[in-house]
Amino acid sequence: MAISRRVFLLGATALVAGCATNGGGDRANYSARPDEKFPLKAMPLDQIKPELRRQEVAYPTSHPAGTVVVDTPARRLYYVLGGGRAMRYGIGVGRQGYSLAGNATIGRKAEWPSWTPTPNMIRRDPERNRKYAGGVPGGINNPLGARAIYLYQNGNDTMFRIHGTNQPRSIDQAMSSGCVRMLNHDVLDLYERVKVGGRVHIIQGRRLA
């Protein structure tokens, strides 16, 4: 059966629209957040490699739905959805990010948290960190970004945090300080999904590439 030019054009238009929907999803995920206490600007997509952008992926695992899996060698974080699916996020991992492995629980969460360098951070880099010993209030320039998720083991704070960052180019990198950093837009999404008391599993090991 011959296909009319009009039908062909309609089909082509639908294909283009289908392709645009995926890009539109990324734009929606990283659009401006004027509703925040400290409003966030839209994230330029050219600053985020496609493979580092938030997306639902196939993820067969024995971890139950609601578990956060931090894959430090791959520099990816997964929120297990169940049914062999997960939400995947690109992350940056700091020196402290390699100090915790195995299981933990979410002890608390905070919006636009304040930040105080640990005694170890001050000893390691006093010139950089001593001036912040009194703490830094929450805000756009705070190292913990828009949200922080605090991990505990046996009821004790591990000093390990999953948090936002205003340095998008640090994602997929090993930084000199910090724990696990996410794009502010991504940590907002994860923050809404996780619950206090939720399970976190941290994978350690050598990155192969």
Foldseek 3Di string as FASTA:
>chain_A
DDDDPVNVVVVVVVVVVVVVVVVVVQQVLQDWACVAPATGHGDPCVLPDPVQGKDKDFADDPDDQQEWEQEQLQQKIWHHHDPRMTIIHFKFFEPVQQVDFFKWFFADKDFQAKDADDPVVCVVPVVPHVVCNVIGGGYCQHQQAGMKTFIHDPNHTPVAIEGEGPDSNNTVYYHHDHGIYGHNSVVVVVVVRHDGGTMYGYDHDHRPD
